[in-house]
C-alpha atoms as a PDB file:
ATOM      1  CA  UNK A   1     100.498  63.576 135.150  1.00  0.00           C
ATOM      2  CA  UNK A   2      97.300  62.405 134.929  1.00  0.00           C
ATOM      3  CA  UNK A   3      96.091  60.775 131.237  1.00  0.00           C
ATOM      4  CA  UNK A   4      93.327  63.372 130.929  1.00  0.00           C
ATOM      5  CA  UNK A   5      95.482  66.315 132.083  1.00  0.00           C
ATOM      6  CA  UNK A   6      98.538  65.828 129.330  1.00  0.00           C
ATOM      7  CA  UNK A   7      96.099  66.584 126.355  1.00  0.00           C
ATOM      8  CA  UNK A   8      95.177  69.903 128.107  1.00  0.00           C
ATOM      9  CA  UNK A   9      99.249  71.021 128.886  1.00  0.00           C
ATOM     10  CA  UNK A  10      99.889  69.998 125.274  1.00  0.00           C
ATOM     11  CA  UNK A  11      97.116  72.057 123.950  1.00  0.00           C
ATOM     12  CA  UNK A  12      98.582  75.039 126.420  1.00  0.00           C
ATOM     13  CA  UNK A  13     101.635  74.373 125.476  1.00  0.00           C
ATOM     14  CA  UNK A  14     101.264  74.633 121.534  1.00  0.00           C
ATOM     15  CA  UNK A  15      99.101  77.908 122.139  1.00  0.00           C
ATOM     16  CA  UNK A  16     102.170  79.865 124.126  1.00  0.00           C
ATOM     17  CA  UNK A  17     104.187  78.861 121.538  1.00  0.00           C
ATOM     18  CA  UNK A  18     102.759  79.337 118.099  1.00  0.00           C
ATOM     19  CA  UNK A  19     100.378  82.264 119.279  1.00  0.00           C
ATOM     20  CA  UNK A  20     102.999  84.864 119.008  1.00  0.00           C
ATOM     21  CA  UNK A  21     103.969  83.763 115.803  1.00  0.00           C
ATOM     22  CA  UNK A  22     100.392  84.228 114.155  1.00  0.00           C
ATOM     23  CA  UNK A  23      99.956  86.635 111.266  1.00  0.00           C
ATOM     24  CA  UNK A  24      97.374  89.308 111.284  1.00  0.00           C
ATOM     25  CA  UNK A  25      95.709  90.147 107.923  1.00  0.00           C
ATOM     26  CA  UNK A  26      95.837  93.485 106.232  1.00  0.00           C
ATOM     27  CA  UNK A  27      93.027  95.948 107.810  1.00  0.00           C
ATOM     28  CA  UNK A  28      90.080  96.472 105.492  1.00  0.00           C
ATOM     29  CA  UNK A  29      89.168 100.439 105.011  1.00  0.00           C
ATOM     30  CA  UNK A  30      86.912 101.015 108.177  1.00  0.00           C
ATOM     31  CA  UNK A  31      89.728 100.040 110.584  1.00  0.00           C
ATOM     32  CA  UNK A  32      92.237 101.977 108.583  1.00  0.00           C
ATOM     33  CA  UNK A  33      89.498 105.078 108.832  1.00  0.00           C
ATOM     34  CA  UNK A  34      89.438 104.594 112.550  1.00  0.00           C
ATOM     35  CA  UNK A  35      92.861 104.399 113.269  1.00  0.00           C
ATOM     36  CA  UNK A  36      93.424 107.658 110.979  1.00  0.00           C
ATOM     37  CA  UNK A  37      90.874 109.335 113.406  1.00  0.00           C
ATOM     38  CA  UNK A  38      93.326 108.765 116.431  1.00  0.00           C
ATOM     39  CA  UNK A  39      96.196 111.571 116.747  1.00  0.00           C
ATOM     40  CA  UNK A  40      98.479 109.043 118.610  1.00  0.00           C
ATOM     41  CA  UNK A  41      98.179 106.604 115.532  1.00  0.00           C
ATOM     42  CA  UNK A  42      99.016 109.557 113.039  1.00  0.00           C
ATOM     43  CA  UNK A  43     102.848 108.534 112.849  1.00  0.00           C
ATOM     44  CA  UNK A  44     101.617 105.012 112.120  1.00  0.00           C
ATOM     45  CA  UNK A  45      99.068 105.624 109.675  1.00  0.00           C
ATOM     46  CA  UNK A  46     101.388 107.450 107.459  1.00  0.00           C
ATOM     47  CA  UNK A  47     103.678 104.798 107.292  1.00  0.00           C
ATOM     48  CA  UNK A  48     101.111 102.796 105.331  1.00  0.00           C
ATOM     49  CA  UNK A  49      99.925 105.821 103.234  1.00  0.00           C
ATOM     50  CA  UNK A  50     103.438 106.775 102.470  1.00  0.00           C
ATOM     51  CA  UNK A  51     104.753 103.273 101.472  1.00  0.00           C
ATOM     52  CA  UNK A  52     101.766 103.168  99.188  1.00  0.00           C
ATOM     53  CA  UNK A  53     102.525 106.101  97.357  1.00  0.00           C
ATOM     54  CA  UNK A  54     105.779 105.887  96.856  1.00  0.00           C
ATOM     55  CA  UNK A  55     105.402 103.090  95.108  1.00  0.00           C
ATOM     56  CA  UNK A  56     103.464 104.651  92.895  1.00  0.00           C
ATOM     57  CA  UNK A  57     104.631 108.609  92.880  1.00  0.00           C
ATOM     58  CA  UNK A  58     105.241 110.247  89.698  1.00  0.00           C
ATOM     59  CA  UNK A  59     105.232 106.860  87.531  1.00  0.00           C
ATOM     60  CA  UNK A  60     102.104 105.680  87.693  1.00  0.00           C
ATOM     61  CA  UNK A  61      98.602 107.263  88.971  1.00  0.00           C
ATOM     62  CA  UNK A  62      99.583 109.111  91.807  1.00  0.00           C
ATOM     63  CA  UNK A  63     101.506 112.762  91.846  1.00  0.00           C
ATOM     64  CA  UNK A  64     101.302 114.463  95.029  1.00  0.00           C
ATOM     65  CA  UNK A  65     102.393 117.798  95.719  1.00  0.00           C
ATOM     66  CA  UNK A  66     105.842 118.763  97.090  1.00  0.00           C
ATOM     67  CA  UNK A  67     104.898 120.938  99.442  1.00  0.00           C
ATOM     68  CA  UNK A  68     103.333 119.852 102.886  1.00  0.00           C
ATOM     69  CA  UNK A  69     103.454 116.285 101.067  1.00  0.00           C
ATOM     70  CA  UNK A  70     102.487 114.134 104.493  1.00  0.00           C
ATOM     71  CA  UNK A  71      99.543 116.303 105.242  1.00  0.00           C
ATOM     72  CA  UNK A  72      98.044 116.073 101.362  1.00  0.00           C
ATOM     73  CA  UNK A  73      98.458 112.690 101.884  1.00  0.00           C
ATOM     74  CA  UNK A  74      96.633 111.731 104.246  1.00  0.00           C
ATOM     75  CA  UNK A  75      93.907 114.277 104.326  1.00  0.00           C
ATOM     76  CA  UNK A  76      93.096 112.768 100.584  1.00  0.00           C
ATOM     77  CA  UNK A  77      92.853 109.206 102.142  1.00  0.00           C
ATOM     78  CA  UNK A  78      91.037 110.607 105.079  1.00  0.00           C
ATOM     79  CA  UNK A  79      88.505 112.643 102.530  1.00  0.00           C
ATOM     80  CA  UNK A  80      88.315 109.530 100.067  1.00  0.00           C
ATOM     81  CA  UNK A  81      87.269 106.965 102.914  1.00  0.00           C
ATOM     82  CA  UNK A  82      84.877 109.771 104.396  1.00  0.00           C
ATOM     83  CA  UNK A  83      82.967 110.214 100.998  1.00  0.00           C
ATOM     84  CA  UNK A  84      83.186 106.464 100.062  1.00  0.00           C
ATOM     85  CA  UNK A  85      81.828 104.577 103.471  1.00  0.00           C
ATOM     86  CA  UNK A  86      80.393 101.728 101.101  1.00  0.00           C
ATOM     87  CA  UNK A  87      84.434 100.593  99.786  1.00  0.00           C
ATOM     88  CA  UNK A  88      85.630 100.640 103.520  1.00  0.00           C
ATOM     89  CA  UNK A  89      85.799  97.117 103.387  1.00  0.00           C
ATOM     90  CA  UNK A  90      88.313  96.712 100.611  1.00  0.00           C
ATOM     91  CA  UNK A  91      92.184  96.223 101.819  1.00  0.00           C
ATOM     92  CA  UNK A  92      93.996  99.396 103.324  1.00  0.00           C
ATOM     93  CA  UNK A  93      96.394  99.365 100.369  1.00  0.00           C
ATOM     94  CA  UNK A  94      93.525  99.603  98.157  1.00  0.00           C
ATOM     95  CA  UNK A  95      91.368 102.320 100.144  1.00  0.00           C
ATOM     96  CA  UNK A  96      94.629 104.468 100.171  1.00  0.00           C
ATOM     97  CA  UNK A  97      95.699 104.413  96.399  1.00  0.00           C
ATOM     98  CA  UNK A  98      92.200 105.323  95.719  1.00  0.00           C
ATOM     99  CA  UNK A  99      92.129 108.353  97.614  1.00  0.00           C
ATOM    100  CA  UNK A 100      95.620 109.733  96.218  1.00  0.00           C
ATOM    101  CA  UNK A 101      94.459 108.897  92.634  1.00  0.00           C
ATOM    102  CA  UNK A 102      91.445 110.607  92.929  1.00  0.00           C
ATOM    103  CA  UNK A 103      93.144 113.678  94.796  1.00  0.00           C
ATOM    104  CA  UNK A 104      96.197 113.652  93.192  1.00  0.00           C
ATOM    105  CA  UNK A 105      96.237 111.906  89.749  1.00  0.00           C
ATOM    106  CA  UNK A 106      99.470 112.282  87.500  1.00  0.00           C
ATOM    107  CA  UNK A 107      98.680 114.815  84.885  1.00  0.00           C
ATOM    108  CA  UNK A 108      98.586 113.149  81.073  1.00  0.00           C
ATOM    109  CA  UNK A 109     101.873 115.040  80.087  1.00  0.00           C
ATOM    110  CA  UNK A 110     103.760 112.579  82.582  1.00  0.00           C
ATOM    111  CA  UNK A 111     105.082 115.629  84.730  1.00  0.00           C
ATOM    112  CA  UNK A 112     105.032 114.894  88.479  1.00  0.00           C
ATOM    113  CA  UNK A 113     102.858 117.513  89.906  1.00  0.00           C
ATOM    114  CA  UNK A 114      99.644 117.407  91.951  1.00  0.00           C
ATOM    115  CA  UNK A 115      96.898 119.987  91.822  1.00  0.00           C
ATOM    116  CA  UNK A 116      98.136 122.422  94.195  1.00  0.00           C
ATOM    117  CA  UNK A 117     101.338 122.373  91.850  1.00  0.00           C
ATOM    118  CA  UNK A 118      99.613 122.988  88.733  1.00  0.00           C
END
């Protein structure tokens, strides 16, 4: 191989080996909101929302209703993002928790019930 081609070939080989291993940063609220508007992405979106909600459900700031929980969680986050475009630069976990906290705060008594259950 010609000397000037070797460095190029080495760089291409490194790119092919390393590129699939790169880690993508977490989406921000803008990207997440755009994803929420795609019906085919609903299952993917709900995995993120449920993971955040389940972490705090009933023992912290979030108490979503028992009935139609998936739709209630989705709509709470969607509505919050729609109403707070200036906060969409924040990480998706942050905007998810803020949307759920705004709509479904736990009552002071500690009972795990959302506003729809009261």
